[in-house]
Amino acid sequence: MITRRLLIACLLPLFCLGAMAAGASAAVLSLQATSDGSTVKTEFLQGDDLILNVIVDDASGIAGCAFTIYYPTDVLEGPEADSQGLPVNAGDISSFFPFTYGTTQTHRAANDSGAGELRLAGAEIDTGDGGGKYGGVSLTLFSIRFRVLQDATFMDFEISLESTRLFNPAAGWGNDLDGDGVFDPGDSDEALPLLVGAVDNGHADWGNPNAAFPVVLDTMAPFDLALYVGDGDSLDDAWEMANFGSVDVADDTTDFDNDGYLDRYELLLGTDPDFANDPLGEYYDASTDSRLYQFVVTSPESPAADAGATFNMDLNYFTSDDNNQLSGMGLRIHYNSSRLTWVGFSNVLPTSKTYEDTDPQSDMVQNYDNDASTDSYVEIVWDGGPWPNEPLETRLLTVAFEVNGSLSEGDTSTIRFTSSDSAPNYTFYSDAVAFEVRPCMLGDVNEDGEITAQDAVDAFWLSLEGSWSSTELCTADYNQDGEITSQDAVDIFWESLN
């Protein structure tokens, strides 16, 4: 076993894997960052443990290794090794090289490594035949515990694995030009092989120290593992710094400008997190909006009907704070009278209603909605609380319009909403509605462009009413017998399955 002792003797003090003969196809080394040795991570928080695994993809015949890990000392605190190269704190460095020479473990961390540099070496043989112990399996050669500094900057960083370079001319590593044994300008060090094997006692090279330890991996390009120190939220830290000057101001739950859009959605939408946006957009949540609103929304959201047809649109009401005990509201509905004709209101909420137009009014002079194309409006007022004194969201009314018969498919017209009076401390808000001239689709009761089970439900509720608009008959009277019945709802449901 002299040759095996020579291997170990070289490894321990010098990280010197004496290998003369080329071995089989090279194995591949890589790095893996984890939180606990098995859970892979790429982002770490200040103060976190980072367990780094050094992995070889194929351990066939491997008996020893030597390589260097480089890490940024302004981000990570590395493990401390004693004068023997063993970790001061048990578990900071562990290895799949448990073989001992005498009573000494054969895996080592160099105790004279420079700042941000950890030189590792290890060896193990099959004690039965003296060859490499492991077969063709992936193997974690080392696990090293690092600690992310508490004051580490939020930043990208890298950990690298490279060949260990050695200046020890007496052992055959490096070039000492002046022969003084000191690494001077002009002298050179030399890269050690990263992985070596060991032949077993049945091999022809057994007993030949120049051939018994074939090189498994001689050189490799540095393996760089890209990691990140983050603050634990999903927000891009550069975006946080640009908008708040710190990564500690916002997280996944904050709404910095209190406009109803969490900061993470402001990032997603590309909006300014320090400027209050209009409500009711995508991802809007009234619970984080510090402003008080009275909202009106329509159903359907995008009404459509054929030229010459009449369509109905529900106007539904709610508030940003779910307050149903306010003083009331005045509502104007603006439209283009050359394209739409107001037919009337129905299903009007009676609570505190004090005024309702019977004829449209011109908006050419006042232009309340700041849109010259909507030249007419109709108004309805509720005044006197508590209003609406019903659970929110609630329907205020149904408005009916007749479409100009001369319009063509695809023509559009905007319907807008303003308030003639809102409750104290509340602001009125409603999005404009784009009406489109579109032949009705039989079965598409909610006019969303497809027939679904919801259309069947809507048709059933229409069947309970005694009269219907032309649009309702066009979409919900599936058997086209002039009325909407429960059978139409059944037929629409079956159609939705196709």
Protein backbone atom coordinates (compact mmCIF):
# COMPACT_ATOMS: atom_id res chain seq x y z
CA MET A 1 0.00 0.00 0.00
CA ILE A 2 3.03 2.33 -0.33
CA THR A 3 1.63 4.00 -3.42
CA ARG A 4 -1.62 4.79 -1.60
CA ARG A 5 0.28 6.34 1.25
CA LEU A 6 2.21 8.43 -1.24
CA LEU A 7 -1.06 9.75 -2.60
CA ILE A 8 -2.33 10.73 0.82
CA ALA A 9 1.02 12.22 1.82
CA CYS A 10 0.91 14.47 -1.22
CA LEU A 11 -2.69 15.49 -0.71
CA LEU A 12 -2.54 16.62 2.86
CA PRO A 13 0.26 19.18 2.98
CA LEU A 14 0.55 20.14 -0.65
CA PHE A 15 -2.81 19.40 -2.35
CA CYS A 16 -0.50 17.54 -4.68
CA LEU A 17 -2.33 14.86 -6.63
CA GLY A 18 0.56 13.12 -8.25
CA ALA A 19 -0.85 11.92 -11.58
CA MET A 20 1.21 10.96 -14.56
CA ALA A 21 -1.02 8.95 -16.89
CA ALA A 22 -4.12 10.23 -18.68
CA GLY A 23 -7.29 8.49 -17.56
CA ALA A 24 -10.72 7.88 -19.07
CA SER A 25 -13.07 10.57 -20.35
CA ALA A 26 -13.08 13.62 -18.07
CA ALA A 27 -15.68 14.02 -15.38
CA VAL A 28 -17.49 17.35 -14.93
CA LEU A 29 -17.39 19.44 -11.77
CA SER A 30 -20.09 21.95 -10.87
CA LEU A 31 -21.33 24.07 -7.96
CA GLN A 32 -24.78 24.09 -6.38
CA ALA A 33 -25.99 26.66 -3.83
CA THR A 34 -28.55 25.49 -1.27
CA SER A 35 -30.13 26.67 1.94
CA ASP A 36 -29.70 23.36 3.76
CA GLY A 37 -27.55 21.11 1.59
CA SER A 38 -30.42 19.96 -0.64
CA THR A 39 -32.85 22.84 -1.29
CA VAL A 40 -31.41 24.68 -4.28
CA LYS A 41 -31.56 28.49 -4.16
CA THR A 42 -30.21 31.38 -6.17
CA GLU A 43 -31.35 34.24 -3.90
CA PHE A 44 -30.21 34.58 -0.31
CA LEU A 45 -31.06 37.07 2.43
CA GLN A 46 -28.69 38.88 4.71
CA GLY A 47 -27.69 36.51 7.53
CA ASP A 48 -28.69 33.36 5.62
CA ASP A 49 -26.66 30.20 5.57
CA LEU A 50 -25.47 29.23 2.09
CA ILE A 51 -24.47 25.58 1.80
CA LEU A 52 -22.34 25.12 -1.30
CA ASN A 53 -22.13 21.67 -2.85
CA VAL A 54 -19.24 20.70 -5.11
CA ILE A 55 -20.61 17.99 -7.40
CA VAL A 56 -18.97 15.60 -9.83
CA ASP A 57 -21.31 14.17 -12.46
CA ASP A 58 -19.57 10.77 -12.70
CA ALA A 59 -17.48 9.45 -9.79
CA SER A 60 -16.19 6.39 -11.68
CA GLY A 61 -12.69 5.55 -10.48
CA ILE A 62 -12.14 8.84 -8.66
CA ALA A 63 -9.76 8.56 -5.72
CA GLY A 64 -8.71 12.16 -5.07
CA CYS A 65 -9.42 15.79 -5.84
CA ALA A 66 -7.96 19.27 -5.46
CA PHE A 67 -9.55 22.61 -6.42
CA THR A 68 -10.07 26.13 -5.16
CA ILE A 69 -13.32 27.94 -4.37
CA TYR A 70 -13.33 31.73 -4.78
CA TYR A 71 -16.01 33.84 -3.10
CA PRO A 72 -16.62 37.57 -2.43
CA THR A 73 -15.67 38.51 1.11
CA ASP A 74 -17.94 41.57 1.04
CA VAL A 75 -20.91 39.20 0.67
CA LEU A 76 -19.95 35.91 2.30
CA GLU A 77 -18.16 34.77 5.42
CA GLY A 78 -16.38 31.50 4.70
CA PRO A 79 -15.71 28.60 7.08
CA GLU A 80 -12.71 28.82 9.40
CA ALA A 81 -10.12 26.04 9.26
CA ASP A 82 -7.57 25.15 11.93
CA SER A 83 -3.83 24.60 11.44
CA GLN A 84 -4.55 21.09 10.21
CA GLY A 85 -6.99 22.32 7.58
CA LEU A 86 -10.03 20.97 9.39
CA PRO A 87 -13.13 23.12 10.06
CA VAL A 88 -13.14 24.86 13.42
CA ASN A 89 -16.90 24.46 13.57
CA ALA A 90 -17.97 20.88 12.96
CA GLY A 91 -20.17 20.61 9.90
CA ASP A 92 -18.90 23.76 8.18
CA ILE A 93 -17.05 21.53 5.73
CA SER A 94 -18.13 17.97 5.06
CA SER A 95 -16.93 15.54 2.43
CA PHE A 96 -17.56 12.19 0.83
CA PHE A 97 -13.90 11.38 1.51
CA PRO A 98 -14.15 9.71 4.94
CA PHE A 99 -11.04 7.54 4.46
CA THR A 100 -8.41 8.14 7.13
CA TYR A 101 -4.65 7.79 7.04
CA GLY A 102 -3.83 6.63 10.52
CA THR A 103 -6.23 8.79 12.54
CA THR A 104 -6.22 11.74 10.14
CA GLN A 105 -9.06 12.51 7.75
CA THR A 106 -7.95 12.94 4.17
CA HIS A 107 -10.13 15.91 3.24
CA ARG A 108 -8.68 19.32 3.87
CA ALA A 109 -9.32 23.04 3.59
CA ALA A 110 -6.08 24.98 3.26
CA ASN A 111 -5.45 27.01 6.39
CA ASP A 112 -3.32 29.51 4.46
CA SER A 113 -5.84 30.33 1.74
CA GLY A 114 -6.11 34.01 0.91
CA ALA A 115 -9.18 36.18 1.54
CA GLY A 116 -12.11 34.87 -0.46
CA GLU A 117 -10.20 31.71 -1.37
CA LEU A 118 -10.79 28.20 -0.09
CA ARG A 119 -8.49 25.44 -1.32
CA LEU A 120 -9.94 21.96 -0.93
CA ALA A 121 -8.44 18.51 -1.33
CA GLY A 122 -9.47 14.97 -0.49
CA ALA A 123 -8.76 11.33 -1.19
CA GLU A 124 -10.43 7.95 -0.73
CA ILE A 125 -9.80 4.46 -2.07
CA ASP A 126 -11.58 1.15 -1.87
CA THR A 127 -9.82 -0.52 1.04
CA GLY A 128 -10.61 -3.90 -0.47
CA ASP A 129 -8.77 -3.58 -3.78
CA GLY A 130 -7.00 -0.20 -3.49
CA GLY A 131 -8.79 1.30 -6.50
CA GLY A 132 -11.39 4.04 -6.82
CA LYS A 133 -14.33 3.42 -4.54
CA TYR A 134 -17.31 4.89 -6.35
CA GLY A 135 -19.06 3.82 -9.54
CA GLY A 136 -20.66 5.93 -12.24
CA VAL A 137 -22.85 8.04 -10.00
CA SER A 138 -23.14 11.77 -9.35
CA LEU A 139 -21.44 12.59 -6.07
CA THR A 140 -21.23 15.63 -3.81
CA LEU A 141 -17.52 15.82 -3.08
CA PHE A 142 -17.76 18.68 -0.58
CA SER A 143 -20.43 20.68 1.21
CA ILE A 144 -19.25 24.03 2.57
CA ARG A 145 -21.21 26.32 4.86
CA PHE A 146 -20.99 30.04 4.14
CA ARG A 147 -22.86 32.82 5.90
CA VAL A 148 -24.27 35.84 4.05
CA LEU A 149 -23.07 38.95 5.88
CA GLN A 150 -25.68 40.94 7.76
CA ASP A 151 -24.55 44.09 5.98
CA ALA A 152 -24.11 42.49 2.57
CA THR A 153 -25.18 44.78 -0.27
CA PHE A 154 -28.21 43.67 -2.24
CA MET A 155 -26.42 42.58 -5.38
CA ASP A 156 -25.49 39.83 -7.81
CA PHE A 157 -22.41 37.85 -6.86
CA GLU A 158 -20.51 34.78 -8.01
CA ILE A 159 -18.83 31.79 -6.44
CA SER A 160 -16.24 30.12 -8.67
CA LEU A 161 -14.49 26.77 -8.80
CA GLU A 162 -11.05 26.71 -10.41
CA SER A 163 -7.92 24.61 -10.50
CA THR A 164 -5.66 24.99 -7.47
CA ARG A 165 -2.37 26.55 -8.44
CA LEU A 166 0.73 25.52 -6.48
CA PHE A 167 4.26 26.87 -6.19
CA ASN A 168 6.34 24.03 -4.77
CA PRO A 169 9.27 23.37 -7.10
CA ALA A 170 10.67 20.72 -4.75
CA ALA A 171 7.55 18.66 -5.36
CA GLY A 172 7.57 19.42 -9.06
CA TRP A 173 4.96 22.19 -9.11
CA GLY A 174 5.94 25.58 -10.51
CA ASN A 175 9.14 27.17 -11.75
CA ASP A 176 11.64 28.84 -9.37
CA LEU A 177 13.96 30.79 -11.68
CA ASP A 178 16.49 31.85 -9.06
CA GLY A 179 16.21 28.66 -7.02
CA ASP A 180 15.66 30.48 -3.74
CA GLY A 181 12.44 28.64 -2.90
CA VAL A 182 10.54 31.91 -2.71
CA PHE A 183 7.87 32.98 -5.18
CA ASP A 184 9.49 36.03 -6.77
CA PRO A 185 8.62 38.09 -9.87
CA GLY A 186 9.31 35.89 -12.86
CA ASP A 187 8.59 32.66 -10.97
CA SER A 188 5.48 30.71 -11.93
CA ASP A 189 3.04 28.44 -10.18
CA GLU A 190 1.27 25.47 -11.78
CA ALA A 191 -2.28 24.14 -11.87
CA LEU A 192 -2.86 20.81 -10.16
CA PRO A 193 -5.12 18.20 -11.73
CA LEU A 194 -8.62 18.52 -10.35
CA LEU A 195 -9.50 14.83 -10.17
CA VAL A 196 -7.35 11.70 -10.16
CA GLY A 197 -8.18 8.03 -10.01
CA ALA A 198 -6.48 4.92 -8.62
CA VAL A 199 -6.07 1.55 -10.29
CA ASP A 200 -7.00 -1.55 -8.31
CA ASN A 201 -4.66 -4.34 -7.28
CA GLY A 202 -5.57 -6.37 -10.33
CA HIS A 203 -4.42 -3.69 -12.76
CA ALA A 204 -1.14 -3.94 -14.67
CA ASP A 205 -0.08 -0.51 -13.34
CA TRP A 206 -0.57 -1.49 -9.73
CA GLY A 207 2.73 -0.76 -7.98
CA ASN A 208 3.84 1.76 -10.62
CA PRO A 209 3.60 5.18 -8.90
CA ASN A 210 3.93 6.94 -12.25
CA ALA A 211 0.83 5.26 -13.70
CA ALA A 212 -1.24 4.05 -10.75
CA PHE A 213 -3.04 7.40 -10.36
CA PRO A 214 -4.49 8.35 -13.77
CA VAL A 215 -5.77 11.87 -14.27
CA VAL A 216 -9.57 11.93 -14.47
CA LEU A 217 -9.87 15.72 -14.90
CA ASP A 218 -6.72 17.68 -15.64
CA THR A 219 -8.02 21.19 -16.39
CA MET A 220 -11.33 22.99 -16.78
CA ALA A 221 -12.59 26.49 -17.41
CA PRO A 222 -13.63 28.20 -14.17
CA PHE A 223 -17.16 27.22 -13.12
CA ASP A 224 -19.01 30.40 -12.09
CA LEU A 225 -22.20 30.13 -10.04
CA ALA A 226 -24.34 33.30 -10.31
CA LEU A 227 -26.24 34.11 -7.12
CA TYR A 228 -28.03 37.07 -5.59
CA VAL A 229 -28.44 38.79 -2.23
CA GLY A 230 -32.06 39.93 -2.06
CA ASP A 231 -34.47 41.38 0.45
CA GLY A 232 -36.93 38.49 0.38
CA ASP A 233 -39.69 39.98 -1.77
CA SER A 234 -40.53 39.60 -5.45
CA LEU A 235 -39.75 43.22 -6.28
CA ASP A 236 -36.75 43.94 -8.44
CA ASP A 237 -34.23 45.58 -6.10
CA ALA A 238 -32.92 47.92 -8.81
CA TRP A 239 -36.51 49.12 -9.37
CA GLU A 240 -36.93 49.63 -5.62
CA MET A 241 -33.73 51.66 -5.42
CA ALA A 242 -34.71 53.78 -8.42
CA ASN A 243 -38.17 54.55 -7.06
CA PHE A 244 -37.70 54.58 -3.28
CA GLY A 245 -33.96 54.95 -2.74
CA SER A 246 -34.01 51.81 -0.60
CA VAL A 247 -35.05 48.17 -0.77
CA ASP A 248 -36.62 48.41 2.69
CA VAL A 249 -39.56 50.66 1.79
CA ALA A 250 -41.69 48.35 -0.37
CA ASP A 251 -42.45 44.65 -0.47
CA ASP A 252 -45.13 42.33 -1.85
CA THR A 253 -47.79 43.71 0.51
CA THR A 254 -47.22 47.48 0.31
CA ASP A 255 -49.00 50.18 -1.68
CA PHE A 256 -46.67 53.17 -1.30
CA ASP A 257 -48.97 55.77 -2.90
CA ASN A 258 -52.16 54.18 -1.49
CA ASP A 259 -53.88 54.17 -4.88
CA GLY A 260 -55.27 50.64 -4.80
CA TYR A 261 -52.37 49.04 -6.68
CA LEU A 262 -49.79 47.10 -4.68
CA ASP A 263 -46.21 48.08 -5.46
CA ARG A 264 -45.55 44.68 -7.01
CA TYR A 265 -48.35 45.38 -9.50
CA GLU A 266 -47.02 48.89 -10.17
CA LEU A 267 -43.76 47.17 -11.14
CA LEU A 268 -45.64 44.71 -13.34
CA LEU A 269 -47.75 47.40 -15.01
CA GLY A 270 -44.86 49.82 -15.47
CA THR A 271 -46.62 52.59 -13.52
CA ASP A 272 -45.16 55.10 -11.09
CA PRO A 273 -45.48 53.76 -7.51
CA ASP A 274 -45.35 57.32 -6.19
CA PHE A 275 -48.20 58.65 -8.36
CA ALA A 276 -51.82 57.75 -7.65
CA ASN A 277 -53.35 56.05 -10.69
CA ASP A 278 -57.00 55.93 -11.70
CA PRO A 279 -58.97 53.19 -9.94
CA LEU A 280 -60.63 50.09 -11.41
CA GLY A 281 -57.67 49.08 -13.58
CA GLU A 282 -56.12 45.63 -13.70
CA TYR A 283 -55.06 44.43 -10.21
CA TYR A 284 -56.96 47.27 -8.51
CA ASP A 285 -57.88 46.59 -4.87
CA ALA A 286 -60.00 49.24 -3.20
CA SER A 287 -58.88 48.05 0.24
CA THR A 288 -55.44 49.67 -0.25
CA ASP A 289 -56.82 52.88 -1.81
CA SER A 290 -56.87 55.77 0.66
CA ARG A 291 -59.21 57.73 -1.62
CA LEU A 292 -62.98 57.43 -1.24
CA TYR A 293 -64.94 56.65 -4.39
CA GLN A 294 -68.48 56.13 -5.58
CA PHE A 295 -68.19 53.71 -8.49
CA VAL A 296 -70.57 52.94 -11.34
CA VAL A 297 -69.84 49.95 -13.59
CA THR A 298 -71.86 48.47 -16.43
CA SER A 299 -73.14 45.04 -17.32
CA PRO A 300 -72.27 44.08 -19.95
CA GLU A 301 -68.91 45.82 -19.83
CA SER A 302 -68.79 46.08 -23.64
CA PRO A 303 -72.36 46.23 -24.99
CA ALA A 304 -73.09 45.33 -28.58
CA ALA A 305 -76.15 45.12 -30.77
CA ASP A 306 -77.10 45.06 -34.43
CA ALA A 307 -78.00 48.23 -36.31
CA GLY A 308 -81.63 49.12 -35.61
CA ALA A 309 -81.77 46.93 -32.50
CA THR A 310 -82.36 47.97 -28.89
CA PHE A 311 -79.97 46.95 -26.16
CA ASN A 312 -80.11 47.16 -22.37
CA MET A 313 -77.25 47.95 -20.01
CA ASP A 314 -77.34 47.63 -16.21
CA LEU A 315 -75.60 50.33 -14.16
CA ASN A 316 -74.29 48.89 -10.90
CA TYR A 317 -73.02 50.85 -7.90
CA PHE A 318 -70.49 50.28 -5.12
CA THR A 319 -68.04 52.31 -3.03
CA SER A 320 -64.35 51.91 -2.31
CA ASP A 321 -65.03 51.41 1.40
CA ASP A 322 -68.28 49.40 1.03
CA ASN A 323 -70.27 52.22 2.66
CA ASN A 324 -73.96 51.95 1.76
CA GLN A 325 -75.11 54.73 4.10
CA LEU A 326 -74.21 57.84 2.08
CA SER A 327 -76.30 60.89 1.18
CA GLY A 328 -76.92 59.97 -2.45
CA MET A 329 -75.58 60.71 -5.92
CA GLY A 330 -76.54 62.45 -9.14
CA LEU A 331 -75.73 60.47 -12.31
CA ARG A 332 -75.46 61.63 -15.94
CA ILE A 333 -75.23 59.20 -18.85
CA HIS A 334 -73.60 60.77 -21.92
CA TYR A 335 -73.98 59.41 -25.46
CA ASN A 336 -73.78 60.31 -29.15
CA SER A 337 -77.34 61.03 -30.31
CA SER A 338 -76.46 60.50 -33.98
CA ARG A 339 -75.67 56.86 -33.23
CA LEU A 340 -77.80 55.99 -30.21
CA THR A 341 -81.30 56.99 -29.16
CA TRP A 342 -82.20 56.86 -25.49
CA VAL A 343 -85.24 54.64 -25.01
CA GLY A 344 -85.67 54.93 -21.27
CA PHE A 345 -84.87 53.70 -17.77
CA SER A 346 -86.13 50.58 -16.01
CA ASN A 347 -85.39 48.78 -12.75
CA VAL A 348 -84.60 52.14 -11.14
CA LEU A 349 -83.50 51.96 -7.49
CA PRO A 350 -86.34 53.77 -5.70
CA THR A 351 -84.49 54.64 -2.47
CA SER A 352 -84.20 58.46 -2.17
CA LYS A 353 -84.79 59.02 -5.90
CA THR A 354 -85.64 62.72 -6.35
CA TYR A 355 -85.25 63.34 -10.09
CA GLU A 356 -85.36 61.38 -13.35
CA ASP A 357 -85.15 62.75 -16.89
CA THR A 358 -87.98 61.98 -19.26
CA ASP A 359 -86.21 63.56 -22.24
CA PRO A 360 -82.52 63.80 -23.06
CA GLN A 361 -80.61 67.02 -22.49
CA SER A 362 -78.04 68.66 -24.75
CA ASP A 363 -74.43 68.59 -23.59
CA MET A 364 -73.07 70.76 -26.38
CA VAL A 365 -72.50 73.79 -24.16
CA GLN A 366 -71.57 72.40 -20.75
CA ASN A 367 -69.71 69.35 -22.11
CA TYR A 368 -69.70 67.80 -18.64
CA ASP A 369 -67.74 64.74 -19.76
CA ASN A 370 -65.14 66.65 -21.83
CA ASP A 371 -66.05 64.68 -24.94
CA ALA A 372 -67.54 66.64 -27.84
CA SER A 373 -68.77 63.46 -29.53
CA THR A 374 -71.21 62.68 -26.71
CA ASP A 375 -73.63 65.52 -27.36
CA SER A 376 -76.54 64.37 -25.18
CA TYR A 377 -77.14 63.06 -21.70
CA VAL A 378 -79.89 61.83 -19.41
CA GLU A 379 -79.80 62.37 -15.66
CA ILE A 380 -81.16 60.71 -12.57
CA VAL A 381 -80.67 61.85 -8.95
CA TRP A 382 -80.86 60.15 -5.58
CA ASP A 383 -80.72 62.61 -2.66
CA GLY A 384 -81.23 61.74 1.00
CA GLY A 385 -79.60 59.09 3.10
CA PRO A 386 -78.95 56.53 4.16
CA TRP A 387 -78.35 55.59 0.55
CA PRO A 388 -78.56 53.18 -1.14
CA ASN A 389 -79.14 51.28 2.12
CA GLU A 390 -78.67 47.95 0.31
CA PRO A 391 -75.77 45.49 0.16
CA LEU A 392 -73.13 46.57 -2.35
CA GLU A 393 -72.67 46.04 -5.28
CA THR A 394 -76.27 46.95 -6.21
CA ARG A 395 -78.06 47.81 -9.46
CA LEU A 396 -79.08 51.46 -9.80
CA LEU A 397 -81.01 51.10 -13.05
CA THR A 398 -81.21 49.59 -16.51
CA VAL A 399 -80.79 51.98 -19.43
CA ALA A 400 -82.01 51.12 -22.94
CA PHE A 401 -80.68 52.54 -26.23
CA GLU A 402 -81.76 52.00 -29.80
CA VAL A 403 -78.98 51.71 -32.37
CA ASN A 404 -79.16 53.91 -35.48
CA GLY A 405 -80.24 51.65 -38.32
CA SER A 406 -77.82 53.24 -40.79
CA LEU A 407 -74.73 52.13 -38.86
CA SER A 408 -72.54 49.32 -40.13
CA GLU A 409 -71.06 46.33 -38.38
CA GLY A 410 -67.95 47.39 -36.47
CA ASP A 411 -69.06 50.99 -35.92
CA THR A 412 -68.52 52.12 -32.35
CA SER A 413 -69.86 54.77 -30.00
CA THR A 414 -68.69 55.87 -26.57
CA ILE A 415 -70.98 56.08 -23.55
CA ARG A 416 -69.62 58.08 -20.61
CA PHE A 417 -70.77 58.76 -17.05
CA THR A 418 -70.39 61.81 -14.83
CA SER A 419 -71.85 62.85 -11.53
CA SER A 420 -73.93 65.98 -10.99
CA ASP A 421 -73.47 65.52 -7.25
CA SER A 422 -71.51 63.03 -5.16
CA ALA A 423 -71.57 62.25 -1.44
CA PRO A 424 -69.37 64.47 0.80
CA ASN A 425 -65.69 63.42 0.78
CA TYR A 426 -66.32 60.97 -2.07
CA THR A 427 -65.24 61.22 -5.70
CA PHE A 428 -67.32 59.75 -8.51
CA TYR A 429 -65.54 57.39 -10.91
CA SER A 430 -66.70 55.29 -13.84
CA ASP A 431 -64.90 54.03 -16.92
CA ALA A 432 -66.26 54.93 -20.33
CA VAL A 433 -68.04 52.16 -22.25
CA ALA A 434 -67.37 51.40 -25.90
CA PHE A 435 -70.52 50.25 -27.72
CA GLU A 436 -70.02 48.29 -30.94
CA VAL A 437 -72.44 47.53 -33.75
CA ARG A 438 -72.34 43.75 -33.97
CA PRO A 439 -74.95 41.24 -35.10
CA CYS A 440 -76.06 39.24 -32.12
CA MET A 441 -74.75 35.72 -31.59
CA LEU A 442 -77.58 33.35 -30.78
CA GLY A 443 -76.87 31.91 -27.33
CA ASP A 444 -74.31 34.57 -26.32
CA VAL A 445 -76.62 36.18 -23.78
CA ASN A 446 -73.93 38.23 -22.01
CA GLU A 447 -72.44 39.27 -25.37
CA ASP A 448 -68.85 38.38 -24.52
CA GLY A 449 -68.21 36.69 -27.85
CA GLU A 450 -68.60 33.07 -26.70
CA ILE A 451 -71.32 30.73 -25.51
CA THR A 452 -70.72 29.39 -22.00
CA ALA A 453 -72.68 27.92 -19.11
CA GLN A 454 -73.04 31.46 -17.76
CA ASP A 455 -75.11 32.37 -20.84
CA ALA A 456 -77.46 29.49 -19.98
CA VAL A 457 -77.83 30.85 -16.43
CA ASP A 458 -78.50 34.36 -17.76
CA ALA A 459 -81.11 32.97 -20.19
CA PHE A 460 -82.85 31.18 -17.33
CA TRP A 461 -83.17 34.42 -15.34
CA LEU A 462 -84.51 36.21 -18.43
CA SER A 463 -87.10 33.47 -18.80
CA LEU A 464 -88.61 34.60 -15.48
CA GLU A 465 -89.36 38.06 -16.91
CA GLY A 466 -92.44 38.86 -18.94
CA SER A 467 -90.95 41.05 -21.65
CA TRP A 468 -87.61 41.33 -23.39
CA SER A 469 -85.61 43.74 -25.51
CA SER A 470 -84.82 42.95 -29.12
CA THR A 471 -81.23 42.19 -28.15
CA GLU A 472 -82.32 39.80 -25.39
CA LEU A 473 -84.60 37.98 -27.79
CA CYS A 474 -81.86 37.88 -30.41
CA THR A 475 -79.36 36.21 -28.05
CA ALA A 476 -81.51 34.21 -25.59
CA ASP A 477 -84.50 33.00 -27.67
CA TYR A 478 -82.52 30.01 -28.82
CA ASN A 479 -85.40 28.13 -30.43
CA GLN A 480 -86.63 31.42 -31.97
CA ASP A 481 -90.25 31.02 -30.96
CA GLY A 482 -90.62 34.68 -29.93
CA GLU A 483 -90.13 34.22 -26.18
CA ILE A 484 -87.41 33.27 -23.74
CA THR A 485 -88.17 30.14 -21.73
CA SER A 486 -86.32 27.68 -19.54
CA GLN A 487 -86.03 25.44 -22.58
CA ASP A 488 -83.92 28.12 -24.26
CA ALA A 489 -81.63 28.06 -21.23
CA VAL A 490 -81.29 24.27 -21.50
CA ASP A 491 -80.54 24.49 -25.23
CA ILE A 492 -77.89 27.15 -24.64
CA PHE A 493 -76.27 25.03 -21.96
CA TRP A 494 -75.93 22.08 -24.32
CA GLU A 495 -74.55 24.39 -27.00
CA SER A 496 -71.91 25.61 -24.53
CA LEU A 497 -70.53 22.09 -24.33
CA ASN A 498 -69.77 21.98 -28.06
